[in-house]
C-alpha atoms as a PDB file:
ATOM      1  CA  MET A   1      -4.241  13.482  13.760  1.00  0.00           C
ATOM      2  CA  ASN A   2      -2.966  10.568  11.688  1.00  0.00           C
ATOM      3  CA  THR A   3      -5.338   8.432   9.644  1.00  0.00           C
ATOM      4  CA  ILE A   4      -3.032   5.475  10.273  1.00  0.00           C
ATOM      5  CA  ASP A   5      -3.789   4.745  13.934  1.00  0.00           C
ATOM      6  CA  ALA A   6      -2.111   2.209  16.254  1.00  0.00           C
ATOM      7  CA  THR A   7      -4.265  -0.724  15.100  1.00  0.00           C
ATOM      8  CA  THR A   8      -3.678   0.065  11.431  1.00  0.00           C
ATOM      9  CA  ARG A   9       0.051   0.451  12.049  1.00  0.00           C
ATOM     10  CA  GLU A  10       0.151  -2.939  13.816  1.00  0.00           C
ATOM     11  CA  LEU A  11      -1.707  -4.464  10.877  1.00  0.00           C
ATOM     12  CA  LEU A  12       0.801  -2.986   8.418  1.00  0.00           C
ATOM     13  CA  GLU A  13       3.660  -4.291  10.583  1.00  0.00           C
ATOM     14  CA  LYS A  14       2.260  -7.843  10.556  1.00  0.00           C
ATOM     15  CA  THR A  15       0.581  -8.313   7.177  1.00  0.00           C
ATOM     16  CA  GLU A  16       2.166 -10.837   4.847  1.00  0.00           C
ATOM     17  CA  PHE A  17       0.623  -9.592   1.631  1.00  0.00           C
ATOM     18  CA  VAL A  18      -0.663  -6.256   0.353  1.00  0.00           C
ATOM     19  CA  THR A  19      -3.462  -6.106  -2.236  1.00  0.00           C
ATOM     20  CA  ILE A  20      -3.577  -2.901  -4.317  1.00  0.00           C
ATOM     21  CA  VAL A  21      -6.640  -1.900  -6.354  1.00  0.00           C
ATOM     22  CA  THR A  22      -6.806   0.877  -8.944  1.00  0.00           C
ATOM     23  CA  GLN A  23      -9.580   1.768 -11.381  1.00  0.00           C
ATOM     24  CA  GLY A  24      -8.886   0.803 -14.980  1.00  0.00           C
ATOM     25  CA  PRO A  25     -10.913   1.700 -18.067  1.00  0.00           C
ATOM     26  CA  ASP A  26     -12.602  -1.718 -17.937  1.00  0.00           C
ATOM     27  CA  GLY A  27     -13.017  -1.959 -14.162  1.00  0.00           C
ATOM     28  CA  PRO A  28     -10.857  -2.646 -11.127  1.00  0.00           C
ATOM     29  CA  HIS A  29      -7.215  -3.645 -11.603  1.00  0.00           C
ATOM     30  CA  VAL A  30      -5.628  -5.691  -8.797  1.00  0.00           C
ATOM     31  CA  VAL A  31      -1.924  -6.157  -8.076  1.00  0.00           C
ATOM     32  CA  GLY A  32      -0.024  -7.251  -5.003  1.00  0.00           C
ATOM     33  CA  ASN A  33       3.116  -6.678  -3.010  1.00  0.00           C
ATOM     34  CA  TRP A  34       4.743  -8.244   0.050  1.00  0.00           C
ATOM     35  CA  GLY A  35       4.286  -6.974   3.582  1.00  0.00           C
ATOM     36  CA  ASP A  36       8.005  -7.210   4.285  1.00  0.00           C
ATOM     37  CA  TYR A  37       8.691  -4.975   1.256  1.00  0.00           C
ATOM     38  CA  LEU A  38       6.311  -2.398   2.745  1.00  0.00           C
ATOM     39  CA  ARG A  39       8.101  -2.592   6.091  1.00  0.00           C
ATOM     40  CA  ARG A  40      11.538  -2.190   4.463  1.00  0.00           C
ATOM     41  CA  LEU A  41      10.489   1.079   2.850  1.00  0.00           C
ATOM     42  CA  GLY A  42       8.321   2.149   5.752  1.00  0.00           C
ATOM     43  CA  VAL A  43       5.133   3.789   6.821  1.00  0.00           C
ATOM     44  CA  GLU A  44       5.662   7.532   7.175  1.00  0.00           C
ATOM     45  CA  GLY A  45       2.784   9.289   8.889  1.00  0.00           C
ATOM     46  CA  ASP A  46      -0.142   8.637   6.545  1.00  0.00           C
ATOM     47  CA  ARG A  47       2.043   7.591   3.616  1.00  0.00           C
ATOM     48  CA  ILE A  48       3.054   4.079   2.626  1.00  0.00           C
ATOM     49  CA  VAL A  49       5.786   3.306   0.125  1.00  0.00           C
ATOM     50  CA  LEU A  50       6.141   0.095  -1.878  1.00  0.00           C
ATOM     51  CA  PRO A  51       8.698  -0.891  -4.505  1.00  0.00           C
ATOM     52  CA  ALA A  52       7.351  -0.685  -8.049  1.00  0.00           C
ATOM     53  CA  GLY A  53       8.631  -3.297 -10.469  1.00  0.00           C
ATOM     54  CA  HIS A  54       6.494  -3.320 -13.577  1.00  0.00           C
ATOM     55  CA  TYR A  55       3.183  -1.833 -12.380  1.00  0.00           C
ATOM     56  CA  ASN A  56       2.700  -0.363 -15.871  1.00  0.00           C
ATOM     57  CA  GLU A  57      -1.095  -0.736 -15.875  1.00  0.00           C
ATOM     58  CA  THR A  58      -1.274   0.471 -12.270  1.00  0.00           C
ATOM     59  CA  GLU A  59       0.704   3.578 -13.238  1.00  0.00           C
ATOM     60  CA  LYS A  60      -1.571   4.292 -16.232  1.00  0.00           C
ATOM     61  CA  ASN A  61      -4.643   3.896 -14.028  1.00  0.00           C
ATOM     62  CA  LEU A  62      -3.243   6.261 -11.378  1.00  0.00           C
ATOM     63  CA  GLN A  63      -2.426   8.883 -14.008  1.00  0.00           C
ATOM     64  CA  ARG A  64      -6.075   8.779 -15.126  1.00  0.00           C
ATOM     65  CA  ASP A  65      -7.615   8.399 -11.631  1.00  0.00           C
ATOM     66  CA  ASN A  66      -5.234   8.566  -8.667  1.00  0.00           C
ATOM     67  CA  ARG A  67      -7.594   6.875  -6.205  1.00  0.00           C
ATOM     68  CA  VAL A  68      -6.292   3.606  -4.791  1.00  0.00           C
ATOM     69  CA  GLN A  69      -7.347   1.060  -2.192  1.00  0.00           C
ATOM     70  CA  VAL A  70      -5.016  -1.211  -0.270  1.00  0.00           C
ATOM     71  CA  MET A  71      -6.165  -4.304   1.596  1.00  0.00           C
ATOM     72  CA  VAL A  72      -4.082  -5.808   4.381  1.00  0.00           C
ATOM     73  CA  ALA A  73      -4.847  -8.568   6.881  1.00  0.00           C
ATOM     74  CA  SER A  74      -3.151 -10.595   9.580  1.00  0.00           C
ATOM     75  CA  ARG A  75      -4.231 -13.330  11.971  1.00  0.00           C
ATOM     76  CA  ALA A  76      -1.575 -12.015  14.370  1.00  0.00           C
ATOM     77  CA  VAL A  77      -3.576  -8.830  15.046  1.00  0.00           C
ATOM     78  CA  LYS A  78      -6.537  -9.032  17.431  1.00  0.00           C
ATOM     79  CA  GLY A  79      -9.828  -8.433  15.663  1.00  0.00           C
ATOM     80  CA  SER A  80     -12.980  -7.024  17.219  1.00  0.00           C
ATOM     81  CA  ARG A  81     -14.718 -10.424  17.368  1.00  0.00           C
ATOM     82  CA  ALA A  82     -11.999 -13.049  16.935  1.00  0.00           C
ATOM     83  CA  PRO A  83      -8.315 -13.504  16.197  1.00  0.00           C
ATOM     84  CA  GLY A  84      -7.324 -11.775  13.002  1.00  0.00           C
ATOM     85  CA  GLN A  85      -7.875  -8.306  11.621  1.00  0.00           C
ATOM     86  CA  GLY A  86      -8.176  -6.920   8.122  1.00  0.00           C
ATOM     87  CA  GLY A  87      -8.723  -3.507   6.692  1.00  0.00           C
ATOM     88  CA  VAL A  88      -8.966  -1.411   3.566  1.00  0.00           C
ATOM     89  CA  LEU A  89      -6.886   1.754   3.349  1.00  0.00           C
ATOM     90  CA  SER A  90      -8.111   4.292   0.790  1.00  0.00           C
ATOM     91  CA  GLY A  91      -6.195   7.206  -0.625  1.00  0.00           C
ATOM     92  CA  THR A  92      -4.339   8.540  -3.619  1.00  0.00           C
ATOM     93  CA  GLY A  93      -1.239   7.153  -5.235  1.00  0.00           C
ATOM     94  CA  SER A  94       1.422   7.577  -7.847  1.00  0.00           C
ATOM     95  CA  VAL A  95       4.301   5.588  -9.275  1.00  0.00           C
ATOM     96  CA  GLN A  96       7.436   7.673  -8.861  1.00  0.00           C
ATOM     97  CA  SER A  97      10.623   6.943 -10.797  1.00  0.00           C
ATOM     98  CA  GLU A  98      12.529   9.912  -9.352  1.00  0.00           C
ATOM     99  CA  GLY A  99      12.806  11.538  -5.959  1.00  0.00           C
ATOM    100  CA  GLU A 100      13.558  10.356  -2.449  1.00  0.00           C
ATOM    101  CA  ALA A 101      11.025   7.489  -2.282  1.00  0.00           C
ATOM    102  CA  ALA A 102      12.093   6.149  -5.688  1.00  0.00           C
ATOM    103  CA  GLN A 103      15.768   6.310  -4.709  1.00  0.00           C
ATOM    104  CA  ARG A 104      15.098   4.353  -1.484  1.00  0.00           C
ATOM    105  CA  ALA A 105      13.086   1.746  -3.397  1.00  0.00           C
ATOM    106  CA  LYS A 106      15.797   1.315  -6.037  1.00  0.00           C
ATOM    107  CA  ALA A 107      18.519   1.047  -3.376  1.00  0.00           C
ATOM    108  CA  ALA A 108      16.605  -1.590  -1.380  1.00  0.00           C
ATOM    109  CA  PHE A 109      15.285  -3.488  -4.419  1.00  0.00           C
ATOM    110  CA  PRO A 110      17.625  -3.438  -7.447  1.00  0.00           C
ATOM    111  CA  TRP A 111      14.798  -4.723  -9.676  1.00  0.00           C
ATOM    112  CA  ALA A 112      12.512  -1.763  -8.812  1.00  0.00           C
ATOM    113  CA  ARG A 113      12.019   1.011 -11.344  1.00  0.00           C
ATOM    114  CA  GLY A 114      10.712   3.299  -8.621  1.00  0.00           C
ATOM    115  CA  ALA A 115       8.194   3.485  -5.802  1.00  0.00           C
ATOM    116  CA  LEU A 116       4.449   3.266  -5.470  1.00  0.00           C
ATOM    117  CA  VAL A 117       3.642   6.064  -3.009  1.00  0.00           C
ATOM    118  CA  ILE A 118       0.196   6.080  -1.417  1.00  0.00           C
ATOM    119  CA  GLU A 119      -1.210   8.871   0.743  1.00  0.00           C
ATOM    120  CA  ILE A 120      -3.787   7.237   3.031  1.00  0.00           C
ATOM    121  CA  GLN A 121      -6.955   9.268   3.574  1.00  0.00           C
ATOM    122  CA  SER A 122      -9.234   6.752   5.311  1.00  0.00           C
ATOM    123  CA  VAL A 123      -9.126   3.313   6.920  1.00  0.00           C
ATOM    124  CA  LYS A 124     -11.974   0.853   7.362  1.00  0.00           C
ATOM    125  CA  MET A 125     -11.464  -2.268   9.468  1.00  0.00           C
ATOM    126  CA  HIS A 126     -13.322  -5.392   8.377  1.00  0.00           C
ATOM    127  CA  LEU A 127     -12.951  -7.912  11.188  1.00  0.00           C
END
């Protein structure tokens, strides 16, 4: 059974912005990415792939502690109480400069040095 269910998939297909949180030595480190970049590289089962430009601090954090959280939201997805849905996807991640995901990211985004690959382990909806 996939962790990324139909509602989560719809949210990923409609989000405009993706917020990515890793744990740094001094606390949380937050970076972002665009929803359309996520959709270009795709959601594969319980794995999401994003292009990685700089993400140097994110990469260092993931090498020390590979846990990551991703927040997505969209008013275009029906929430449980009102229009709009948001959720936090938790899992493990790595910045990959080689391999299939990195090659796809570099081909789609010439500025990318690789791919941020996140294996989703749990999803919690917030709205």
